[in-house]
N, C-alpha and C. Protein backbone atom coordinates (compact mmCIF):
# COMPACT_ATOMS: atom_id res chain seq x y z
N MET A 1 -52.38 182.94 -106.86
CA MET A 1 -52.23 182.62 -105.49
C MET A 1 -51.09 183.31 -104.87
N ASP A 2 -51.18 183.70 -103.70
CA ASP A 2 -50.17 184.39 -102.94
C ASP A 2 -49.17 183.38 -102.35
N TRP A 3 -48.21 182.90 -102.94
CA TRP A 3 -47.35 181.87 -102.45
C TRP A 3 -46.47 182.30 -101.24
N LEU A 4 -46.12 183.60 -101.22
CA LEU A 4 -45.42 184.06 -100.12
C LEU A 4 -46.13 183.96 -98.82
N SER A 5 -47.45 184.36 -98.85
CA SER A 5 -48.17 184.38 -97.66
C SER A 5 -48.52 182.86 -97.23
N THR A 6 -48.62 182.00 -98.12
CA THR A 6 -48.87 180.60 -97.77
C THR A 6 -47.56 180.01 -97.15
N ALA A 7 -46.42 180.27 -97.69
CA ALA A 7 -45.20 179.75 -97.01
C ALA A 7 -44.95 180.41 -95.71
N ASP A 8 -45.25 181.74 -95.63
CA ASP A 8 -44.96 182.49 -94.34
C ASP A 8 -45.85 181.96 -93.32
N SER A 9 -47.06 181.72 -93.60
CA SER A 9 -48.10 181.19 -92.62
C SER A 9 -47.68 179.83 -92.12
N TYR A 10 -47.28 178.92 -93.01
CA TYR A 10 -46.78 177.59 -92.74
C TYR A 10 -45.60 177.58 -91.86
N LEU A 11 -44.56 178.46 -92.17
CA LEU A 11 -43.39 178.49 -91.35
C LEU A 11 -43.64 179.05 -90.01
N TYR A 12 -44.47 180.06 -90.03
CA TYR A 12 -44.84 180.68 -88.72
C TYR A 12 -45.59 179.73 -87.75
N LEU A 13 -46.51 178.84 -88.35
CA LEU A 13 -47.16 177.88 -87.61
C LEU A 13 -46.19 176.80 -87.02
N LEU A 14 -45.19 176.46 -87.84
CA LEU A 14 -44.24 175.36 -87.37
C LEU A 14 -43.25 175.96 -86.35
N GLY A 15 -42.74 177.15 -86.57
CA GLY A 15 -41.67 177.62 -85.72
C GLY A 15 -41.71 179.02 -85.22
N ARG A 16 -42.72 179.77 -85.50
CA ARG A 16 -42.87 181.14 -85.19
C ARG A 16 -41.86 182.06 -85.78
N VAL A 17 -41.53 181.54 -87.03
CA VAL A 17 -40.48 182.28 -87.86
C VAL A 17 -41.14 182.49 -89.18
N GLY A 18 -41.13 183.74 -89.77
CA GLY A 18 -41.75 183.91 -91.08
C GLY A 18 -40.58 183.84 -92.33
N VAL A 19 -41.14 183.93 -93.42
CA VAL A 19 -40.32 183.85 -94.58
C VAL A 19 -39.26 184.84 -94.67
N GLU A 20 -39.40 186.11 -94.21
CA GLU A 20 -38.46 187.11 -94.23
C GLU A 20 -37.32 186.75 -93.29
N GLN A 21 -37.60 186.22 -92.13
CA GLN A 21 -36.41 185.89 -91.30
C GLN A 21 -35.77 184.58 -91.84
N VAL A 22 -36.44 183.65 -92.45
CA VAL A 22 -35.89 182.50 -92.94
C VAL A 22 -34.87 182.94 -94.14
N LEU A 23 -35.39 183.80 -95.05
CA LEU A 23 -34.50 184.37 -96.16
C LEU A 23 -33.32 185.06 -95.65
N CYS A 24 -33.53 185.95 -94.71
CA CYS A 24 -32.46 186.72 -94.22
C CYS A 24 -31.32 185.86 -93.54
N ASP A 25 -31.73 185.05 -92.63
CA ASP A 25 -30.77 184.07 -92.03
C ASP A 25 -30.21 183.18 -93.00
N GLY A 26 -31.00 182.65 -93.92
CA GLY A 26 -30.64 181.61 -94.80
C GLY A 26 -29.60 182.19 -95.82
N CYS A 27 -29.88 183.43 -96.30
CA CYS A 27 -28.96 184.01 -97.33
C CYS A 27 -27.66 184.28 -96.71
N LEU A 28 -27.63 184.75 -95.46
CA LEU A 28 -26.38 185.07 -94.80
C LEU A 28 -25.59 183.84 -94.37
N SER A 29 -26.30 182.90 -93.90
CA SER A 29 -25.51 181.67 -93.37
C SER A 29 -25.54 180.35 -94.13
N GLY A 30 -26.54 180.30 -95.17
CA GLY A 30 -26.70 179.10 -95.86
C GLY A 30 -27.59 178.09 -95.24
N ARG A 31 -28.10 178.35 -94.06
CA ARG A 31 -28.95 177.52 -93.27
C ARG A 31 -30.21 178.35 -92.87
N THR A 32 -31.29 177.59 -92.70
CA THR A 32 -32.46 178.16 -92.19
C THR A 32 -32.45 178.12 -90.60
N PRO A 33 -33.31 178.91 -90.08
CA PRO A 33 -33.27 178.96 -88.51
C PRO A 33 -33.60 177.61 -87.88
N ALA A 34 -33.10 177.42 -86.70
CA ALA A 34 -33.23 176.02 -86.13
C ALA A 34 -34.67 175.77 -85.90
N ALA A 35 -35.57 176.70 -85.67
CA ALA A 35 -36.82 176.45 -85.37
C ALA A 35 -37.67 175.89 -86.56
N VAL A 36 -37.15 175.94 -87.76
CA VAL A 36 -37.80 175.39 -88.88
C VAL A 36 -36.88 174.49 -89.79
N SER A 37 -35.70 174.20 -89.31
CA SER A 37 -34.72 173.53 -90.06
C SER A 37 -35.10 172.12 -90.49
N ASP A 38 -36.01 171.52 -89.75
CA ASP A 38 -36.46 170.13 -90.02
C ASP A 38 -37.43 170.18 -91.23
N TYR A 39 -38.01 171.29 -91.60
CA TYR A 39 -39.05 171.47 -92.58
C TYR A 39 -38.56 172.40 -93.74
N ALA A 40 -37.46 173.11 -93.64
CA ALA A 40 -37.07 173.98 -94.67
C ALA A 40 -35.59 174.02 -94.78
N SER A 41 -35.20 174.27 -95.99
CA SER A 41 -33.75 174.39 -96.40
C SER A 41 -33.56 175.52 -97.44
N ILE A 42 -32.40 176.02 -97.59
CA ILE A 42 -32.21 177.11 -98.53
C ILE A 42 -30.97 176.83 -99.36
N GLU A 43 -30.93 177.37 -100.59
CA GLU A 43 -29.90 177.34 -101.52
C GLU A 43 -29.64 178.76 -102.11
N PRO A 44 -29.08 179.63 -101.42
CA PRO A 44 -28.90 181.04 -101.90
C PRO A 44 -27.61 181.21 -102.70
N GLU A 45 -27.77 182.34 -103.53
CA GLU A 45 -26.64 182.81 -104.31
C GLU A 45 -26.54 184.33 -104.27
N LEU A 46 -25.48 184.85 -103.78
CA LEU A 46 -25.25 186.35 -103.81
C LEU A 46 -25.02 186.75 -105.20
N VAL A 47 -25.82 187.65 -105.75
CA VAL A 47 -25.67 188.15 -107.17
C VAL A 47 -25.15 189.56 -107.30
N ARG A 48 -25.40 190.34 -106.14
CA ARG A 48 -24.90 191.71 -106.22
C ARG A 48 -24.70 192.16 -104.75
N ARG A 49 -23.64 192.98 -104.57
CA ARG A 49 -23.48 193.64 -103.26
C ARG A 49 -22.93 195.09 -103.60
N THR A 50 -23.49 196.10 -102.89
CA THR A 50 -23.09 197.47 -103.05
C THR A 50 -22.98 198.10 -101.65
N VAL A 51 -22.05 198.98 -101.52
CA VAL A 51 -21.79 199.67 -100.29
C VAL A 51 -22.39 201.00 -100.51
N GLU A 52 -23.26 201.36 -99.49
CA GLU A 52 -23.97 202.61 -99.52
C GLU A 52 -23.13 203.79 -98.91
N ASP A 53 -23.52 204.84 -99.04
CA ASP A 53 -22.76 206.09 -98.56
C ASP A 53 -22.68 206.15 -96.98
N ASP A 54 -23.69 205.69 -96.42
CA ASP A 54 -23.89 205.71 -94.97
C ASP A 54 -23.04 204.50 -94.23
N GLY A 55 -22.42 203.71 -95.13
CA GLY A 55 -21.73 202.60 -94.58
C GLY A 55 -22.36 201.15 -94.52
N GLY A 56 -23.69 201.26 -94.89
CA GLY A 56 -24.46 199.99 -94.97
C GLY A 56 -24.16 199.35 -96.26
N THR A 57 -24.73 198.10 -96.34
CA THR A 57 -24.43 197.27 -97.54
C THR A 57 -25.74 196.75 -98.02
N ALA A 58 -26.00 196.82 -99.36
CA ALA A 58 -27.19 196.31 -99.98
C ALA A 58 -26.74 195.06 -100.70
N GLU A 59 -27.44 193.89 -100.44
CA GLU A 59 -27.05 192.68 -101.22
C GLU A 59 -28.30 192.02 -101.87
N THR A 60 -28.18 191.58 -102.98
CA THR A 60 -29.31 190.83 -103.78
C THR A 60 -28.90 189.40 -103.79
N TYR A 61 -29.88 188.57 -103.43
CA TYR A 61 -29.75 187.09 -103.41
C TYR A 61 -30.86 186.56 -104.38
N ARG A 62 -30.56 185.32 -104.97
CA ARG A 62 -31.59 184.59 -105.57
C ARG A 62 -31.22 183.14 -105.30
N GLY A 63 -32.25 182.30 -105.44
CA GLY A 63 -32.01 180.92 -105.08
C GLY A 63 -33.30 180.20 -104.91
N THR A 64 -33.15 179.14 -104.05
CA THR A 64 -34.32 178.24 -103.85
C THR A 64 -34.52 178.02 -102.42
N LEU A 65 -35.68 178.24 -101.94
CA LEU A 65 -36.14 177.85 -100.59
C LEU A 65 -37.07 176.57 -100.61
N ILE A 66 -36.72 175.62 -99.89
CA ILE A 66 -37.44 174.43 -99.88
C ILE A 66 -38.26 174.29 -98.60
N VAL A 67 -39.60 174.21 -98.68
CA VAL A 67 -40.45 174.19 -97.51
C VAL A 67 -41.33 172.94 -97.69
N ALA A 68 -41.25 171.98 -96.81
CA ALA A 68 -41.97 170.82 -96.74
C ALA A 68 -42.15 170.17 -98.20
N GLY A 69 -41.03 170.06 -98.93
CA GLY A 69 -40.97 169.39 -100.27
C GLY A 69 -41.31 170.27 -101.32
N VAL A 70 -41.63 171.58 -101.04
CA VAL A 70 -42.04 172.51 -102.20
C VAL A 70 -40.88 173.34 -102.34
N ARG A 71 -40.26 173.41 -103.66
CA ARG A 71 -39.23 174.28 -103.96
C ARG A 71 -39.75 175.61 -104.54
N TYR A 72 -39.40 176.59 -103.80
CA TYR A 72 -39.70 177.98 -104.21
C TYR A 72 -38.53 178.78 -104.71
N SER A 73 -38.74 179.38 -105.91
CA SER A 73 -37.62 180.18 -106.42
C SER A 73 -37.82 181.62 -105.90
N PHE A 74 -36.77 182.29 -105.41
CA PHE A 74 -36.80 183.57 -104.83
C PHE A 74 -35.69 184.46 -105.30
N GLU A 75 -35.99 185.79 -105.19
CA GLU A 75 -35.00 186.86 -105.30
C GLU A 75 -35.37 187.88 -104.28
N CYS A 76 -34.36 188.22 -103.50
CA CYS A 76 -34.60 189.19 -102.42
C CYS A 76 -33.42 190.08 -102.28
N GLU A 77 -33.72 191.19 -101.62
CA GLU A 77 -32.66 192.17 -101.21
C GLU A 77 -32.64 192.31 -99.74
N LEU A 78 -31.38 192.29 -99.26
CA LEU A 78 -31.09 192.51 -97.83
C LEU A 78 -30.27 193.72 -97.69
N PHE A 79 -30.40 194.38 -96.52
CA PHE A 79 -29.65 195.52 -96.16
C PHE A 79 -28.95 195.34 -94.79
N ALA A 80 -27.74 195.75 -94.76
CA ALA A 80 -26.94 195.65 -93.44
C ALA A 80 -26.67 197.14 -93.12
N ASP A 81 -27.24 197.52 -91.88
CA ASP A 81 -26.77 198.78 -91.40
C ASP A 81 -25.30 198.82 -91.00
N ALA A 82 -24.73 199.97 -90.84
CA ALA A 82 -23.31 200.15 -90.54
C ALA A 82 -23.02 199.36 -89.21
N ASP A 83 -24.02 199.24 -88.31
CA ASP A 83 -23.83 198.47 -87.07
C ASP A 83 -23.91 196.98 -87.28
N GLY A 84 -24.20 196.49 -88.52
CA GLY A 84 -24.18 195.02 -88.76
C GLY A 84 -25.61 194.33 -88.63
N ALA A 85 -26.67 195.11 -88.37
CA ALA A 85 -27.98 194.60 -88.40
C ALA A 85 -28.50 194.40 -89.81
N TYR A 86 -28.96 193.15 -90.05
CA TYR A 86 -29.48 192.84 -91.38
C TYR A 86 -30.97 192.72 -91.37
N PHE A 87 -31.61 193.12 -92.50
CA PHE A 87 -33.03 192.83 -92.69
C PHE A 87 -33.35 192.86 -94.13
N VAL A 88 -34.50 192.17 -94.51
CA VAL A 88 -35.06 192.10 -95.80
C VAL A 88 -35.64 193.38 -96.25
N THR A 89 -35.17 193.92 -97.27
CA THR A 89 -35.81 195.18 -97.91
C THR A 89 -36.91 194.83 -98.97
N SER A 90 -36.78 193.84 -99.65
CA SER A 90 -37.74 193.46 -100.66
C SER A 90 -37.56 192.01 -101.04
N ILE A 91 -38.78 191.50 -101.44
CA ILE A 91 -38.77 190.15 -102.05
C ILE A 91 -39.39 190.26 -103.49
N GLY A 92 -38.58 190.28 -104.45
CA GLY A 92 -38.93 190.57 -105.72
C GLY A 92 -39.65 189.37 -106.50
N ARG A 93 -39.25 188.23 -106.05
CA ARG A 93 -39.83 187.04 -106.80
C ARG A 93 -39.86 185.95 -105.82
N PHE A 94 -41.07 185.27 -105.82
CA PHE A 94 -41.24 184.12 -104.81
C PHE A 94 -42.33 183.20 -105.32
N GLY A 95 -42.01 182.13 -105.84
CA GLY A 95 -43.09 181.20 -106.39
C GLY A 95 -42.49 179.80 -106.41
N PRO A 96 -43.51 178.88 -106.48
CA PRO A 96 -43.04 177.42 -106.60
C PRO A 96 -42.54 177.03 -107.88
N VAL A 97 -41.52 176.22 -107.92
CA VAL A 97 -41.00 175.67 -109.24
C VAL A 97 -41.06 174.16 -109.28
N GLU A 98 -41.20 173.49 -108.13
CA GLU A 98 -41.28 172.13 -108.11
C GLU A 98 -41.91 171.57 -106.78
N TRP A 99 -42.71 170.65 -106.86
CA TRP A 99 -43.27 169.94 -105.74
C TRP A 99 -43.62 168.52 -105.98
N SER A 100 -43.82 167.73 -104.94
CA SER A 100 -44.11 166.31 -105.17
C SER A 100 -45.09 165.90 -103.98
N THR A 101 -45.88 164.91 -104.32
CA THR A 101 -46.81 164.41 -103.24
C THR A 101 -46.45 162.91 -103.02
N LYS A 102 -46.96 162.45 -101.91
CA LYS A 102 -46.70 161.19 -101.49
C LYS A 102 -48.04 160.52 -101.09
N VAL A 103 -48.28 159.29 -101.39
CA VAL A 103 -49.46 158.60 -100.96
C VAL A 103 -48.96 157.41 -100.07
N GLN A 104 -49.47 157.34 -98.90
CA GLN A 104 -49.10 156.25 -97.98
C GLN A 104 -50.26 155.33 -97.88
N VAL A 105 -49.99 154.08 -98.15
CA VAL A 105 -51.11 153.05 -98.00
C VAL A 105 -50.81 152.26 -96.75
N ALA A 106 -51.87 152.23 -95.92
CA ALA A 106 -51.85 151.45 -94.69
C ALA A 106 -51.87 150.01 -94.80
């Protein structure tokens, strides 16, 4: 199953924000975008940072993204241009590691 597409579609449905934007914002700030913050949270860890010849910075993060109770383990790379614009260059790992269900009896 393509877990990345599943989470991406769900987040986009809730707040018009995809997984790449959630990972980018979340890795940099430790918080998910406001549009999905009621449904998603992030626990990022910076594992590597390198400065490129052009003045940009490449950063590798790994951690956990929690979306609607499902914990996804991820590893991604971000790049910052010399002007400070950040974007995701790759998502190397993204998959569920824990989830739970609830049954509500009326």
